PDB file of N, CA and C in Angstrom:
ATOM      1  N   MET A   1    -105.110  16.168 -64.082  1.00  0.00           N
ATOM      2  CA  MET A   1    -103.701  15.919 -64.034  1.00  0.00           C
ATOM      3  C   MET A   1    -103.083  16.850 -62.993  1.00  0.00           C
ATOM      4  N   SER A   2    -102.222  16.307 -62.162  1.00  0.00           N
ATOM      5  CA  SER A   2    -101.580  17.112 -61.118  1.00  0.00           C
ATOM      6  C   SER A   2    -100.172  17.493 -61.537  1.00  0.00           C
ATOM      7  N   PHE A   3     -99.736  18.583 -60.989  1.00  0.00           N
ATOM      8  CA  PHE A   3     -98.397  19.084 -61.298  1.00  0.00           C
ATOM      9  C   PHE A   3     -97.480  18.784 -60.124  1.00  0.00           C
ATOM     10  N   ARG A   4     -96.336  18.207 -60.423  1.00  0.00           N
ATOM     11  CA  ARG A   4     -95.386  17.850 -59.379  1.00  0.00           C
ATOM     12  C   ARG A   4     -94.025  18.484 -59.668  1.00  0.00           C
ATOM     13  N   LEU A   5     -93.436  19.126 -58.666  1.00  0.00           N
ATOM     14  CA  LEU A   5     -92.100  19.713 -58.826  1.00  0.00           C
ATOM     15  C   LEU A   5     -91.061  18.606 -58.951  1.00  0.00           C
ATOM     16  N   PRO A   6     -90.021  18.841 -59.690  1.00  0.00           N
ATOM     17  CA  PRO A   6     -88.931  17.866 -59.731  1.00  0.00           C
ATOM     18  C   PRO A   6     -88.355  17.681 -58.333  1.00  0.00           C
ATOM     19  N   GLN A   7     -87.930  16.474 -58.035  1.00  0.00           N
ATOM     20  CA  GLN A   7     -87.424  16.155 -56.700  1.00  0.00           C
ATOM     21  C   GLN A   7     -86.189  16.975 -56.342  1.00  0.00           C
ATOM     22  N   THR A   8     -85.377  17.305 -57.318  1.00  0.00           N
ATOM     23  CA  THR A   8     -84.173  18.078 -57.020  1.00  0.00           C
ATOM     24  C   THR A   8     -84.510  19.462 -56.483  1.00  0.00           C
ATOM     25  N   LEU A   9     -85.587  20.062 -56.963  1.00  0.00           N
ATOM     26  CA  LEU A   9     -85.989  21.373 -56.453  1.00  0.00           C
ATOM     27  C   LEU A   9     -86.497  21.261 -55.023  1.00  0.00           C
ATOM     28  N   GLY A  10     -87.243  20.243 -54.739  1.00  0.00           N
ATOM     29  CA  GLY A  10     -87.763  20.039 -53.391  1.00  0.00           C
ATOM     30  C   GLY A  10     -86.664  19.797 -52.390  1.00  0.00           C
ATOM     31  N   ARG A  11     -85.652  19.045 -52.765  1.00  0.00           N
ATOM     32  CA  ARG A  11     -84.531  18.744 -51.862  1.00  0.00           C
ATOM     33  C   ARG A  11     -83.713  19.989 -51.537  1.00  0.00           C
ATOM     34  N   ALA A  12     -83.440  20.793 -52.524  1.00  0.00           N
ATOM     35  CA  ALA A  12     -82.651  22.005 -52.291  1.00  0.00           C
ATOM     36  C   ALA A  12     -83.353  22.912 -51.302  1.00  0.00           C
ATOM     37  N   SER A  13     -84.655  23.017 -51.462  1.00  0.00           N
ATOM     38  CA  SER A  13     -85.417  23.858 -50.558  1.00  0.00           C
ATOM     39  C   SER A  13     -85.366  23.316 -49.131  1.00  0.00           C
ATOM     40  N   ALA A  14     -85.457  22.023 -48.988  1.00  0.00           N
ATOM     41  CA  ALA A  14     -85.394  21.412 -47.658  1.00  0.00           C
ATOM     42  C   ALA A  14     -84.012  21.623 -47.049  1.00  0.00           C
ATOM     43  N   ARG A  15     -82.961  21.504 -47.873  1.00  0.00           N
ATOM     44  CA  ARG A  15     -81.603  21.729 -47.380  1.00  0.00           C
ATOM     45  C   ARG A  15     -81.412  23.173 -46.951  1.00  0.00           C
ATOM     46  N   GLU A  16     -81.897  24.092 -47.765  1.00  0.00           N
ATOM     47  CA  GLU A  16     -81.769  25.510 -47.430  1.00  0.00           C
ATOM     48  C   GLU A  16     -82.513  25.831 -46.145  1.00  0.00           C
ATOM     49  N   SER A  17     -83.660  25.220 -45.992  1.00  0.00           N
ATOM     50  CA  SER A  17     -84.451  25.444 -44.790  1.00  0.00           C
ATOM     51  C   SER A  17     -83.720  24.902 -43.558  1.00  0.00           C
ATOM     52  N   ALA A  18     -83.147  23.713 -43.681  1.00  0.00           N
ATOM     53  CA  ALA A  18     -82.398  23.125 -42.567  1.00  0.00           C
ATOM     54  C   ALA A  18     -81.164  23.958 -42.259  1.00  0.00           C
ATOM     55  N   LEU A  19     -80.481  24.407 -43.301  1.00  0.00           N
ATOM     56  CA  LEU A  19     -79.298  25.242 -43.110  1.00  0.00           C
ATOM     57  C   LEU A  19     -79.673  26.553 -42.430  1.00  0.00           C
ATOM     58  N   SER A  20     -80.774  27.134 -42.825  1.00  0.00           N
ATOM     59  CA  SER A  20     -81.251  28.373 -42.204  1.00  0.00           C
ATOM     60  C   SER A  20     -81.528  28.165 -40.720  1.00  0.00           C
ATOM     61  N   ALA A  21     -82.133  27.050 -40.398  1.00  0.00           N
ATOM     62  CA  ALA A  21     -82.447  26.755 -39.000  1.00  0.00           C
ATOM     63  C   ALA A  21     -81.171  26.600 -38.183  1.00  0.00           C
ATOM     64  N   VAL A  22     -80.185  25.919 -38.750  1.00  0.00           N
ATOM     65  CA  VAL A  22     -78.908  25.732 -38.052  1.00  0.00           C
ATOM     66  C   VAL A  22     -78.196  27.071 -37.887  1.00  0.00           C
ATOM     67  N   GLU A  23     -78.189  27.890 -38.937  1.00  0.00           N
ATOM     68  CA  GLU A  23     -77.549  29.201 -38.850  1.00  0.00           C
ATOM     69  C   GLU A  23     -78.224  30.073 -37.797  1.00  0.00           C
ATOM     70  N   ALA A  24     -79.536  29.995 -37.711  1.00  0.00           N
ATOM     71  CA  ALA A  24     -80.265  30.767 -36.704  1.00  0.00           C
ATOM     72  C   ALA A  24     -79.906  30.296 -35.301  1.00  0.00           C
ATOM     73  N   GLU A  25     -79.778  28.990 -35.130  1.00  0.00           N
ATOM     74  CA  GLU A  25     -79.423  28.456 -33.824  1.00  0.00           C
ATOM     75  C   GLU A  25     -77.995  28.846 -33.440  1.00  0.00           C
ATOM     76  N   ILE A  26     -77.089  28.826 -34.403  1.00  0.00           N
ATOM     77  CA  ILE A  26     -75.705  29.244 -34.143  1.00  0.00           C
ATOM     78  C   ILE A  26     -75.674  30.719 -33.756  1.00  0.00           C
ATOM     79  N   GLY A  27     -76.426  31.539 -34.460  1.00  0.00           N
ATOM     80  CA  GLY A  27     -76.497  32.960 -34.129  1.00  0.00           C
ATOM     81  C   GLY A  27     -77.046  33.199 -32.734  1.00  0.00           C
ATOM     82  N   ALA A  28     -78.067  32.436 -32.363  1.00  0.00           N
ATOM     83  CA  ALA A  28     -78.647  32.565 -31.026  1.00  0.00           C
ATOM     84  C   ALA A  28     -77.645  32.144 -29.954  1.00  0.00           C
ATOM     85  N   GLU A  29     -76.900  31.085 -30.226  1.00  0.00           N
ATOM     86  CA  GLU A  29     -75.899  30.625 -29.266  1.00  0.00           C
ATOM     87  C   GLU A  29     -74.762  31.629 -29.126  1.00  0.00           C
ATOM     88  N   LYS A  30     -74.350  32.243 -30.231  1.00  0.00           N
ATOM     89  CA  LYS A  30     -73.318  33.287 -30.171  1.00  0.00           C
ATOM     90  C   LYS A  30     -73.794  34.446 -29.307  1.00  0.00           C
ATOM     91  N   ALA A  31     -75.023  34.872 -29.513  1.00  0.00           N
ATOM     92  CA  ALA A  31     -75.572  35.989 -28.741  1.00  0.00           C
ATOM     93  C   ALA A  31     -75.671  35.636 -27.265  1.00  0.00           C
ATOM     94  N   SER A  32     -76.124  34.435 -26.982  1.00  0.00           N
ATOM     95  CA  SER A  32     -76.250  33.993 -25.602  1.00  0.00           C
ATOM     96  C   SER A  32     -74.889  33.919 -24.918  1.00  0.00           C
ATOM     97  N   SER A  33     -73.918  33.365 -25.619  1.00  0.00           N
ATOM     98  CA  SER A  33     -72.571  33.251 -25.084  1.00  0.00           C
ATOM     99  C   SER A  33     -71.959  34.627 -24.834  1.00  0.00           C
ATOM    100  N   LEU A  34     -72.164  35.532 -25.773  1.00  0.00           N
ATOM    101  CA  LEU A  34     -71.662  36.894 -25.616  1.00  0.00           C
ATOM    102  C   LEU A  34     -72.304  37.564 -24.406  1.00  0.00           C
ATOM    103  N   GLY A  35     -73.579  37.329 -24.205  1.00  0.00           N
ATOM    104  CA  GLY A  35     -74.269  37.889 -23.044  1.00  0.00           C
ATOM    105  C   GLY A  35     -73.726  37.352 -21.731  1.00  0.00           C
ATOM    106  N   ARG A  36     -73.496  36.042 -21.675  1.00  0.00           N
ATOM    107  CA  ARG A  36     -72.967  35.432 -20.448  1.00  0.00           C
ATOM    108  C   ARG A  36     -71.570  35.952 -20.131  1.00  0.00           C
ATOM    109  N   VAL A  37     -70.713  36.018 -21.141  1.00  0.00           N
ATOM    110  CA  VAL A  37     -69.351  36.505 -20.942  1.00  0.00           C
ATOM    111  C   VAL A  37     -69.370  37.986 -20.543  1.00  0.00           C
ATOM    112  N   GLY A  38     -70.273  38.742 -21.143  1.00  0.00           N
ATOM    113  CA  GLY A  38     -70.411  40.160 -20.800  1.00  0.00           C
ATOM    114  C   GLY A  38     -70.829  40.359 -19.358  1.00  0.00           C
ATOM    115  N   GLU A  39     -71.767  39.543 -18.890  1.00  0.00           N
ATOM    116  CA  GLU A  39     -72.212  39.642 -17.492  1.00  0.00           C
ATOM    117  C   GLU A  39     -71.075  39.301 -16.530  1.00  0.00           C
ATOM    118  N   THR A  40     -70.308  38.278 -16.876  1.00  0.00           N
ATOM    119  CA  THR A  40     -69.174  37.888 -16.039  1.00  0.00           C
ATOM    120  C   THR A  40     -68.149  39.015 -15.963  1.00  0.00           C
ATOM    121  N   ALA A  41     -67.846  39.622 -17.098  1.00  0.00           N
ATOM    122  CA  ALA A  41     -66.889  40.733 -17.117  1.00  0.00           C
ATOM    123  C   ALA A  41     -67.421  41.912 -16.309  1.00  0.00           C
ATOM    124  N   GLN A  42     -68.693  42.208 -16.465  1.00  0.00           N
ATOM    125  CA  GLN A  42     -69.294  43.320 -15.734  1.00  0.00           C
ATOM    126  C   GLN A  42     -69.204  43.096 -14.225  1.00  0.00           C
ATOM    127  N   LYS A  43     -69.477  41.874 -13.773  1.00  0.00           N
ATOM    128  CA  LYS A  43     -69.397  41.563 -12.342  1.00  0.00           C
ATOM    129  C   LYS A  43     -67.962  41.656 -11.833  1.00  0.00           C
ATOM    130  N   ALA A  44     -67.011  41.173 -12.615  1.00  0.00           N
ATOM    131  CA  ALA A  44     -65.603  41.236 -12.201  1.00  0.00           C
ATOM    132  C   ALA A  44     -65.128  42.683 -12.119  1.00  0.00           C
ATOM    133  N   LEU A  45     -65.531  43.491 -13.079  1.00  0.00           N
ATOM    134  CA  LEU A  45     -65.148  44.911 -13.067  1.00  0.00           C
ATOM    135  C   LEU A  45     -65.806  45.651 -11.909  1.00  0.00           C
ATOM    136  N   GLN A  46     -67.039  45.292 -11.603  1.00  0.00           N
ATOM    137  CA  GLN A  46     -67.732  45.918 -10.486  1.00  0.00           C
ATOM    138  C   GLN A  46     -67.047  45.558  -9.168  1.00  0.00           C
ATOM    139  N   ALA A  47     -66.672  44.300  -9.023  1.00  0.00           N
ATOM    140  CA  ALA A  47     -65.971  43.871  -7.806  1.00  0.00           C
ATOM    141  C   ALA A  47     -64.648  44.627  -7.653  1.00  0.00           C
ATOM    142  N   LEU A  48     -63.944  44.818  -8.755  1.00  0.00           N
ATOM    143  CA  LEU A  48     -62.687  45.564  -8.725  1.00  0.00           C
ATOM    144  C   LEU A  48     -62.925  47.017  -8.340  1.00  0.00           C
ATOM    145  N   ALA A  49     -63.949  47.625  -8.909  1.00  0.00           N
ATOM    146  CA  ALA A  49     -64.244  49.037  -8.634  1.00  0.00           C
ATOM    147  C   ALA A  49     -64.676  49.264  -7.187  1.00  0.00           C
ATOM    148  N   GLU A  50     -65.383  48.307  -6.626  1.00  0.00           N
ATOM    149  CA  GLU A  50     -65.919  48.466  -5.270  1.00  0.00           C
ATOM    150  C   GLU A  50     -64.940  48.039  -4.187  1.00  0.00           C
ATOM    151  N   ALA A  51     -63.850  47.406  -4.555  1.00  0.00           N
ATOM    152  CA  ALA A  51     -62.906  46.894  -3.562  1.00  0.00           C
ATOM    153  C   ALA A  51     -62.068  48.017  -2.981  1.00  0.00           C
ATOM    154  N   PRO A  52     -61.888  47.996  -1.683  1.00  0.00           N
ATOM    155  CA  PRO A  52     -60.981  48.977  -1.090  1.00  0.00           C
ATOM    156  C   PRO A  52     -59.546  48.688  -1.538  1.00  0.00           C
ATOM    157  N   GLU A  53     -58.713  49.690  -1.510  1.00  0.00           N
ATOM    158  CA  GLU A  53     -57.328  49.554  -1.978  1.00  0.00           C
ATOM    159  C   GLU A  53     -56.565  48.467  -1.225  1.00  0.00           C
ATOM    160  N   GLU A  54     -56.893  48.254   0.042  1.00  0.00           N
ATOM    161  CA  GLU A  54     -56.168  47.277   0.850  1.00  0.00           C
ATOM    162  C   GLU A  54     -56.600  45.851   0.557  1.00  0.00           C
ATOM    163  N   ALA A  55     -57.687  45.695  -0.140  1.00  0.00           N
ATOM    164  CA  ALA A  55     -58.223  44.358  -0.411  1.00  0.00           C
ATOM    165  C   ALA A  55     -57.277  43.580  -1.310  1.00  0.00           C
ATOM    166  N   ASP A  56     -57.651  42.389  -1.627  1.00  0.00           N
ATOM    167  CA  ASP A  56     -56.850  41.504  -2.474  1.00  0.00           C
ATOM    168  C   ASP A  56     -56.875  42.019  -3.906  1.00  0.00           C
ATOM    169  N   ARG A  57     -56.332  43.198  -4.098  1.00  0.00           N
ATOM    170  CA  ARG A  57     -56.391  43.900  -5.384  1.00  0.00           C
ATOM    171  C   ARG A  57     -55.752  43.123  -6.541  1.00  0.00           C
ATOM    172  N   PRO A  58     -54.569  42.544  -6.383  1.00  0.00           N
ATOM    173  CA  PRO A  58     -53.981  41.815  -7.517  1.00  0.00           C
ATOM    174  C   PRO A  58     -54.875  40.684  -8.026  1.00  0.00           C
ATOM    175  N   ALA A  59     -55.536  39.997  -7.130  1.00  0.00           N
ATOM    176  CA  ALA A  59     -56.432  38.906  -7.546  1.00  0.00           C
ATOM    177  C   ALA A  59     -57.652  39.455  -8.276  1.00  0.00           C
ATOM    178  N   LEU A  60     -58.163  40.597  -7.814  1.00  0.00           N
ATOM    179  CA  LEU A  60     -59.324  41.201  -8.473  1.00  0.00           C
ATOM    180  C   LEU A  60     -58.957  41.747  -9.847  1.00  0.00           C
ATOM    181  N   VAL A  61     -57.761  42.326  -9.965  1.00  0.00           N
ATOM    182  CA  VAL A  61     -57.295  42.828 -11.264  1.00  0.00           C
ATOM    183  C   VAL A  61     -57.142  41.659 -12.226  1.00  0.00           C
ATOM    184  N   LYS A  62     -56.576  40.551 -11.745  1.00  0.00           N
ATOM    185  CA  LYS A  62     -56.400  39.375 -12.599  1.00  0.00           C
ATOM    186  C   LYS A  62     -57.752  38.819 -13.033  1.00  0.00           C
ATOM    187  N   ALA A  63     -58.696  38.726 -12.119  1.00  0.00           N
ATOM    188  CA  ALA A  63     -60.030  38.204 -12.460  1.00  0.00           C
ATOM    189  C   ALA A  63     -60.717  39.109 -13.485  1.00  0.00           C
ATOM    190  N   ALA A  64     -60.615  40.406 -13.281  1.00  0.00           N
ATOM    191  CA  ALA A  64     -61.228  41.348 -14.221  1.00  0.00           C
ATOM    192  C   ALA A  64     -60.551  41.267 -15.583  1.00  0.00           C
ATOM    193  N   THR A  65     -59.225  41.168 -15.594  1.00  0.00           N
ATOM    194  CA  THR A  65     -58.481  41.067 -16.850  1.00  0.00           C
ATOM    195  C   THR A  65     -58.871  39.804 -17.608  1.00  0.00           C
ATOM    196  N   ASP A  66     -58.940  38.687 -16.904  1.00  0.00           N
ATOM    197  CA  ASP A  66     -59.339  37.430 -17.546  1.00  0.00           C
ATOM    198  C   ASP A  66     -60.750  37.526 -18.124  1.00  0.00           C
ATOM    199  N   ALA A  67     -61.664  38.108 -17.369  1.00  0.00           N
ATOM    200  CA  ALA A  67     -63.057  38.222 -17.821  1.00  0.00           C
ATOM    201  C   ALA A  67     -63.173  39.150 -19.035  1.00  0.00           C
ATOM    202  N   VAL A  68     -62.448  40.256 -19.016  1.00  0.00           N
ATOM    203  CA  VAL A  68     -62.489  41.194 -20.147  1.00  0.00           C
ATOM    204  C   VAL A  68     -61.841  40.565 -21.377  1.00  0.00           C
ATOM    205  N   TRP A  69     -60.758  39.829 -21.178  1.00  0.00           N
ATOM    206  CA  TRP A  69     -60.112  39.138 -22.302  1.00  0.00           C
ATOM    207  C   TRP A  69     -61.095  38.165 -22.955  1.00  0.00           C
ATOM    208  N   GLN A  70     -61.811  37.404 -22.147  1.00  0.00           N
ATOM    209  CA  GLN A  70     -62.810  36.466 -22.683  1.00  0.00           C
ATOM    210  C   GLN A  70     -63.901  37.216 -23.440  1.00  0.00           C
ATOM    211  N   LEU A  71     -64.305  38.354 -22.922  1.00  0.00           N
ATOM    212  CA  LEU A  71     -65.320  39.169 -23.598  1.00  0.00           C
ATOM    213  C   LEU A  71     -64.800  39.655 -24.948  1.00  0.00           C
ATOM    214  N   PHE A  72     -63.574  40.145 -24.976  1.00  0.00           N
ATOM    215  CA  PHE A  72     -62.997  40.623 -26.235  1.00  0.00           C
ATOM    216  C   PHE A  72     -62.900  39.498 -27.266  1.00  0.00           C
ATOM    217  N   VAL A  73     -62.466  38.328 -26.828  1.00  0.00           N
ATOM    218  CA  VAL A  73     -62.355  37.185 -27.748  1.00  0.00           C
ATOM    219  C   VAL A  73     -63.727  36.805 -28.289  1.00  0.00           C
ATOM    220  N   GLN A  74     -64.722  36.743 -27.425  1.00  0.00           N
ATOM    221  CA  GLN A  74     -66.072  36.372 -27.862  1.00  0.00           C
ATOM    222  C   GLN A  74     -66.632  37.418 -28.824  1.00  0.00           C
ATOM    223  N   ARG A  75     -66.378  38.683 -28.545  1.00  0.00           N
ATOM    224  CA  ARG A  75     -66.828  39.740 -29.456  1.00  0.00           C
ATOM    225  C   ARG A  75     -66.174  39.596 -30.824  1.00  0.00           C
ATOM    226  N   GLU A  76     -64.872  39.312 -30.834  1.00  0.00           N
ATOM    227  CA  GLU A  76     -64.184  39.155 -32.109  1.00  0.00           C
ATOM    228  C   GLU A  76     -64.698  37.948 -32.879  1.00  0.00           C
ATOM    229  N   LEU A  77     -65.001  36.867 -32.186  1.00  0.00           N
ATOM    230  CA  LEU A  77     -65.570  35.693 -32.845  1.00  0.00           C
ATOM    231  C   LEU A  77     -66.948  35.996 -33.428  1.00  0.00           C
ATOM    232  N   SER A  78     -67.613  36.977 -32.863  1.00  0.00           N
ATOM    233  CA  SER A  78     -68.932  37.378 -33.360  1.00  0.00           C
ATOM    234  C   SER A  78     -68.839  38.467 -34.424  1.00  0.00           C
ATOM    235  N   GLY A  79     -67.608  38.862 -34.771  1.00  0.00           N
ATOM    236  CA  GLY A  79     -67.421  39.873 -35.807  1.00  0.00           C
ATOM    237  C   GLY A  79     -67.349  41.299 -35.295  1.00  0.00           C
ATOM    238  N   LEU A  80     -67.336  41.470 -33.985  1.00  0.00           N
ATOM    239  CA  LEU A  80     -67.273  42.809 -33.384  1.00  0.00           C
ATOM    240  C   LEU A  80     -65.824  43.088 -32.983  1.00  0.00           C
ATOM    241  N   THR A  81     -65.093  43.751 -33.853  1.00  0.00           N
ATOM    242  CA  THR A  81     -63.662  43.933 -33.610  1.00  0.00           C
ATOM    243  C   THR A  81     -63.294  45.270 -32.972  1.00  0.00           C
ATOM    244  N   ASP A  82     -64.201  46.216 -32.948  1.00  0.00           N
ATOM    245  CA  ASP A  82     -63.925  47.516 -32.323  1.00  0.00           C
ATOM    246  C   ASP A  82     -64.384  47.451 -30.865  1.00  0.00           C
ATOM    247  N   HIS A  83     -63.416  47.429 -29.955  1.00  0.00           N
ATOM    248  CA  HIS A  83     -63.740  47.286 -28.534  1.00  0.00           C
ATOM    249  C   HIS A  83     -63.936  48.616 -27.821  1.00  0.00           C
ATOM    250  N   ARG A  84     -63.710  49.721 -28.521  1.00  0.00           N
ATOM    251  CA  ARG A  84     -63.840  51.035 -27.869  1.00  0.00           C
ATOM    252  C   ARG A  84     -65.218  51.256 -27.248  1.00  0.00           C
ATOM    253  N   PRO A  85     -66.313  50.892 -27.912  1.00  0.00           N
ATOM    254  CA  PRO A  85     -67.623  51.119 -27.287  1.00  0.00           C
ATOM    255  C   PRO A  85     -67.807  50.346 -25.981  1.00  0.00           C
ATOM    256  N   ILE A  86     -67.343  49.108 -25.947  1.00  0.00           N
ATOM    257  CA  ILE A  86     -67.530  48.300 -24.734  1.00  0.00           C
ATOM    258  C   ILE A  86     -66.571  48.754 -23.633  1.00  0.00           C
ATOM    259  N   ILE A  87     -65.393  49.250 -24.023  1.00  0.00           N
ATOM    260  CA  ILE A  87     -64.455  49.790 -23.029  1.00  0.00           C
ATOM    261  C   ILE A  87     -65.094  51.001 -22.343  1.00  0.00           C
ATOM    262  N   ALA A  88     -65.722  51.863 -23.136  1.00  0.00           N
ATOM    263  CA  ALA A  88     -66.379  53.044 -22.568  1.00  0.00           C
ATOM    264  C   ALA A  88     -67.613  52.661 -21.755  1.00  0.00           C
ATOM    265  N   GLU A  89     -68.414  51.746 -22.287  1.00  0.00           N
ATOM    266  CA  GLU A  89     -69.658  51.368 -21.605  1.00  0.00           C
ATOM    267  C   GLU A  89     -69.391  50.713 -20.252  1.00  0.00           C
ATOM    268  N   LEU A  90     -68.410  49.817 -20.201  1.00  0.00           N
ATOM    269  CA  LEU A  90     -68.109  49.113 -18.955  1.00  0.00           C
ATOM    270  C   LEU A  90     -67.113  49.866 -18.076  1.00  0.00           C
ATOM    271  N   LYS A  91     -66.589  50.994 -18.597  1.00  0.00           N
ATOM    272  CA  LYS A  91     -65.599  51.788 -17.861  1.00  0.00           C
ATOM    273  C   LYS A  91     -64.433  50.901 -17.404  1.00  0.00           C
ATOM    274  N   ILE A  92     -63.862  50.191 -18.368  1.00  0.00           N
ATOM    275  CA  ILE A  92     -62.758  49.280 -18.067  1.00  0.00           C
ATOM    276  C   ILE A  92     -61.540  50.116 -17.680  1.00  0.00           C
ATOM    277  N   PRO A  93     -61.008  49.894 -16.482  1.00  0.00           N
ATOM    278  CA  PRO A  93     -59.895  50.715 -16.006  1.00  0.00           C
ATOM    279  C   PRO A  93     -58.597  50.449 -16.773  1.00  0.00           C
ATOM    280  N   ARG A  94     -57.728  51.445 -16.756  1.00  0.00           N
ATOM    281  CA  ARG A  94     -56.445  51.350 -17.467  1.00  0.00           C
ATOM    282  C   ARG A  94     -55.606  50.172 -17.001  1.00  0.00           C
ATOM    283  N   VAL A  95     -55.660  49.863 -15.713  1.00  0.00           N
ATOM    284  CA  VAL A  95     -54.845  48.763 -15.195  1.00  0.00           C
ATOM    285  C   VAL A  95     -55.233  47.449 -15.883  1.00  0.00           C
ATOM    286  N   VAL A  96     -56.497  47.266 -16.167  1.00  0.00           N
ATOM    287  CA  VAL A  96     -56.971  46.058 -16.854  1.00  0.00           C
ATOM    288  C   VAL A  96     -56.557  46.105 -18.331  1.00  0.00           C
ATOM    289  N   LEU A  97     -56.777  47.248 -18.963  1.00  0.00           N
ATOM    290  CA  LEU A  97     -56.420  47.392 -20.375  1.00  0.00           C
ATOM    291  C   LEU A  97     -54.916  47.215 -20.591  1.00  0.00           C
ATOM    292  N   ALA A  98     -54.117  47.726 -19.653  1.00  0.00           N
ATOM    293  CA  ALA A  98     -52.667  47.598 -19.781  1.00  0.00           C
ATOM    294  C   ALA A  98     -52.241  46.137 -19.708  1.00  0.00           C
ATOM    295  N   ARG A  99     -52.880  45.379 -18.853  1.00  0.00           N
ATOM    296  CA  ARG A  99     -52.552  43.955 -18.756  1.00  0.00           C
ATOM    297  C   ARG A  99     -52.978  43.188 -19.992  1.00  0.00           C
ATOM    298  N   LEU A 100     -53.965  43.727 -20.711  1.00  0.00           N
ATOM    299  CA  LEU A 100     -54.399  43.105 -21.959  1.00  0.00           C
ATOM    300  C   LEU A 100     -53.541  43.564 -23.139  1.00  0.00           C
ATOM    301  N   GLY A 101     -52.745  44.593 -22.913  1.00  0.00           N
ATOM    302  CA  GLY A 101     -51.944  45.151 -23.988  1.00  0.00           C
ATOM    303  C   GLY A 101     -52.735  46.103 -24.861  1.00  0.00           C
ATOM    304  N   ALA A 102     -53.872  46.580 -24.339  1.00  0.00           N
ATOM    305  CA  ALA A 102     -54.748  47.466 -25.106  1.00  0.00           C
ATOM    306  C   ALA A 102     -54.712  48.897 -24.603  1.00  0.00           C
ATOM    307  N   GLY A 103     -53.976  49.175 -23.569  1.00  0.00           N
ATOM    308  CA  GLY A 103     -54.035  50.501 -22.980  1.00  0.00           C
ATOM    309  C   GLY A 103     -52.805  51.311 -23.096  1.00  0.00           C
TER     310      GLY A 103
END
């Protein structure tokens, strides 16, 4: 005689497994998105830092501000609400923070 689990137990396990897979994929996409936005912000900040004062500074400040704002939003969506570590790590200038209302 063979032993068979009730179908309801088997279904719950399959649902949990599928849900776990979806949650893992969502987590991976969040991490990937955060990485892409972080790279964009880093490049914009680097361009601003390397630009001579006579260059198109207002456009570079705006680009850096937009990129940092996107980074902050993505971090908050990922549950990372303290931006102080990333401000220090990326050396975000006061002019950018002031335009974000964070400085």
